[in-house]
């Protein structure tokens, strides 16, 4: 219960700090940000490495997992990749293909399908130059997020 309270308090604190930052910047931060942000599909292009961990939640059961991999992003809304996954200590090596969208504000989505028939969905947030991205899995029962960095 204490953990849940911490998250709630953290969210309130974060919202308060964002509000103060918004006011300190003259209240026009969002408009300024959108003028300076112009991502396209080509913003993401090259080889990216990543690692993430988290839990697969089913009812009250939490199964830990960790994953490390490499994406080859083609700059046209498609990608391929490979990864090693440890699920509760069991190692699996996968390959996958995927598609992505990217809005001018540098937010987007990714859908991946692996060689074992699994499909995963993510929301992504990309730096303006495409050097890095952060992601969160949006499939029910998965609790994970991470970062990718371009390494050509």
Protein backbone atom coordinates (compact mmCIF):
# COMPACT_ATOMS: atom_id res chain seq x y z
CA UNK A 1 0.00 0.00 0.00
CA UNK A 2 2.84 2.42 0.73
CA UNK A 3 4.18 1.89 -2.80
CA UNK A 4 0.85 2.88 -4.34
CA UNK A 5 0.72 6.00 -2.18
CA UNK A 6 4.22 6.95 -3.30
CA UNK A 7 3.20 6.74 -6.97
CA UNK A 8 0.12 8.86 -6.30
CA UNK A 9 2.13 11.48 -4.44
CA UNK A 10 4.80 11.39 -7.16
CA UNK A 11 2.19 12.06 -9.85
CA UNK A 12 0.81 15.05 -7.94
CA UNK A 13 4.33 16.39 -7.39
CA UNK A 14 5.21 15.92 -11.07
CA UNK A 15 2.00 17.65 -12.19
CA UNK A 16 2.75 20.53 -9.82
CA UNK A 17 6.33 20.92 -11.05
CA UNK A 18 5.20 20.82 -14.69
CA UNK A 19 2.65 23.51 -13.93
CA UNK A 20 5.32 25.70 -12.34
CA UNK A 21 7.62 25.16 -15.33
CA UNK A 22 4.77 26.05 -17.68
CA UNK A 23 4.17 29.32 -15.80
CA UNK A 24 7.90 30.13 -15.58
CA UNK A 25 8.18 29.81 -19.35
CA UNK A 26 5.43 32.36 -19.86
CA UNK A 27 2.65 29.80 -20.25
CA UNK A 28 3.46 29.23 -23.95
CA UNK A 29 5.76 26.21 -23.63
CA UNK A 30 3.53 23.86 -25.65
CA UNK A 31 3.18 26.29 -28.55
CA UNK A 32 6.94 26.93 -28.63
CA UNK A 33 7.68 23.19 -28.46
CA UNK A 34 5.37 22.37 -31.37
CA UNK A 35 6.94 25.11 -33.54
CA UNK A 36 10.44 23.70 -32.99
CA UNK A 37 9.57 20.02 -33.44
CA UNK A 38 9.34 18.52 -36.89
CA UNK A 39 9.74 14.75 -36.88
CA UNK A 40 9.05 12.60 -39.94
CA UNK A 41 9.44 8.87 -40.58
CA UNK A 42 13.02 9.60 -41.75
CA UNK A 43 13.89 11.05 -38.33
CA UNK A 44 14.33 7.43 -37.23
CA UNK A 45 16.87 5.74 -39.49
CA UNK A 46 19.81 3.50 -38.67
CA UNK A 47 20.83 0.95 -36.07
CA UNK A 48 19.51 1.38 -32.53
CA UNK A 49 20.36 -0.62 -29.39
CA UNK A 50 18.10 -0.97 -26.38
CA UNK A 51 17.47 -2.79 -23.12
CA UNK A 52 14.37 -2.98 -20.98
CA UNK A 53 12.93 -5.02 -18.17
CA UNK A 54 9.66 -5.33 -16.34
CA UNK A 55 6.84 -7.70 -15.54
CA UNK A 56 4.15 -9.69 -17.27
CA UNK A 57 1.11 -9.43 -14.99
CA UNK A 58 -1.67 -12.04 -14.96
CA UNK A 59 -4.09 -11.65 -12.07
CA UNK A 60 -1.92 -11.39 -8.97
CA UNK A 61 1.06 -13.13 -10.62
CA UNK A 62 4.05 -11.04 -11.78
CA UNK A 63 6.60 -12.74 -14.03
CA UNK A 64 9.85 -10.76 -14.42
CA UNK A 65 11.57 -10.35 -17.77
CA UNK A 66 14.54 -8.54 -19.26
CA UNK A 67 15.42 -7.95 -22.89
CA UNK A 68 18.31 -6.51 -24.89
CA UNK A 69 18.36 -6.06 -28.63
CA UNK A 70 19.07 -4.14 -31.78
CA UNK A 71 16.68 -2.49 -34.24
CA UNK A 72 17.39 -1.66 -37.88
CA UNK A 73 15.06 1.24 -38.62
CA UNK A 74 14.71 1.92 -42.35
CA UNK A 75 13.37 5.50 -42.23
CA UNK A 76 10.19 4.58 -44.11
CA UNK A 77 7.92 3.32 -41.31
CA UNK A 78 9.40 -0.20 -41.20
CA UNK A 79 12.01 -1.93 -39.07
CA UNK A 80 13.59 -5.29 -38.36
CA UNK A 81 15.39 -6.46 -35.26
CA UNK A 82 16.66 -9.17 -33.00
CA UNK A 83 16.77 -9.61 -29.24
CA UNK A 84 17.59 -11.94 -26.39
CA UNK A 85 14.82 -12.21 -23.80
CA UNK A 86 14.99 -13.66 -20.29
CA UNK A 87 11.51 -14.50 -18.98
CA UNK A 88 11.67 -15.65 -15.37
CA UNK A 89 15.21 -16.87 -16.14
CA UNK A 90 14.34 -18.74 -19.37
CA UNK A 91 16.35 -17.44 -22.35
CA UNK A 92 14.75 -16.98 -25.78
CA UNK A 93 16.33 -15.41 -28.86
CA UNK A 94 13.92 -13.74 -31.28
CA UNK A 95 13.85 -11.83 -34.54
CA UNK A 96 11.03 -9.50 -35.51
CA UNK A 97 9.65 -7.11 -38.09
CA UNK A 98 7.61 -4.02 -37.43
CA UNK A 99 6.01 -0.80 -38.49
CA UNK A 100 6.04 2.60 -36.86
CA UNK A 101 4.30 5.96 -37.11
CA UNK A 102 5.79 9.29 -36.14
CA UNK A 103 3.89 12.57 -35.75
CA UNK A 104 5.49 16.01 -36.25
CA UNK A 105 5.62 16.38 -32.44
CA UNK A 106 7.97 13.31 -32.36
CA UNK A 107 5.48 10.98 -30.67
CA UNK A 108 4.37 7.80 -32.36
CA UNK A 109 3.56 4.11 -32.18
CA UNK A 110 5.32 0.84 -33.00
CA UNK A 111 3.87 -2.60 -33.74
CA UNK A 112 6.22 -5.61 -33.74
CA UNK A 113 5.65 -9.24 -34.78
CA UNK A 114 8.29 -11.80 -33.81
CA UNK A 115 9.31 -15.12 -35.34
CA UNK A 116 7.34 -16.98 -32.62
CA UNK A 117 4.07 -15.30 -33.65
CA UNK A 118 3.93 -12.77 -30.81
CA UNK A 119 2.79 -9.18 -31.41
CA UNK A 120 3.67 -6.17 -29.22
CA UNK A 121 2.60 -2.52 -29.28
CA UNK A 122 4.44 0.55 -28.00
CA UNK A 123 4.07 4.31 -27.70
CA UNK A 124 7.34 6.09 -28.55
CA UNK A 125 8.78 9.55 -27.99
CA UNK A 126 11.75 10.57 -30.14
CA UNK A 127 14.36 13.31 -29.84
CA UNK A 128 14.17 15.86 -32.66
CA UNK A 129 17.34 14.55 -34.30
CA UNK A 130 16.33 10.89 -33.94
CA UNK A 131 19.42 9.97 -31.89
CA UNK A 132 17.34 8.42 -29.13
CA UNK A 133 13.83 7.33 -28.32
CA UNK A 134 11.95 6.25 -25.24
CA UNK A 135 9.15 3.71 -25.32
CA UNK A 136 6.45 2.11 -23.20
CA UNK A 137 4.64 -1.12 -24.03
CA UNK A 138 0.87 -0.58 -24.30
CA UNK A 139 -0.31 -4.21 -24.31
CA UNK A 140 -2.48 -5.18 -21.32
CA UNK A 141 -0.53 -7.10 -18.69
CA UNK A 142 2.93 -5.76 -19.63
CA UNK A 143 4.73 -3.28 -17.38
CA UNK A 144 7.88 -2.10 -19.14
CA UNK A 145 9.55 0.93 -20.65
CA UNK A 146 13.02 1.75 -21.91
CA UNK A 147 15.30 3.82 -24.14
CA UNK A 148 16.91 3.24 -27.54
CA UNK A 149 20.07 4.92 -28.79
CA UNK A 150 21.27 5.15 -32.39
CA UNK A 151 24.65 3.43 -32.87
CA UNK A 152 25.68 3.43 -36.53
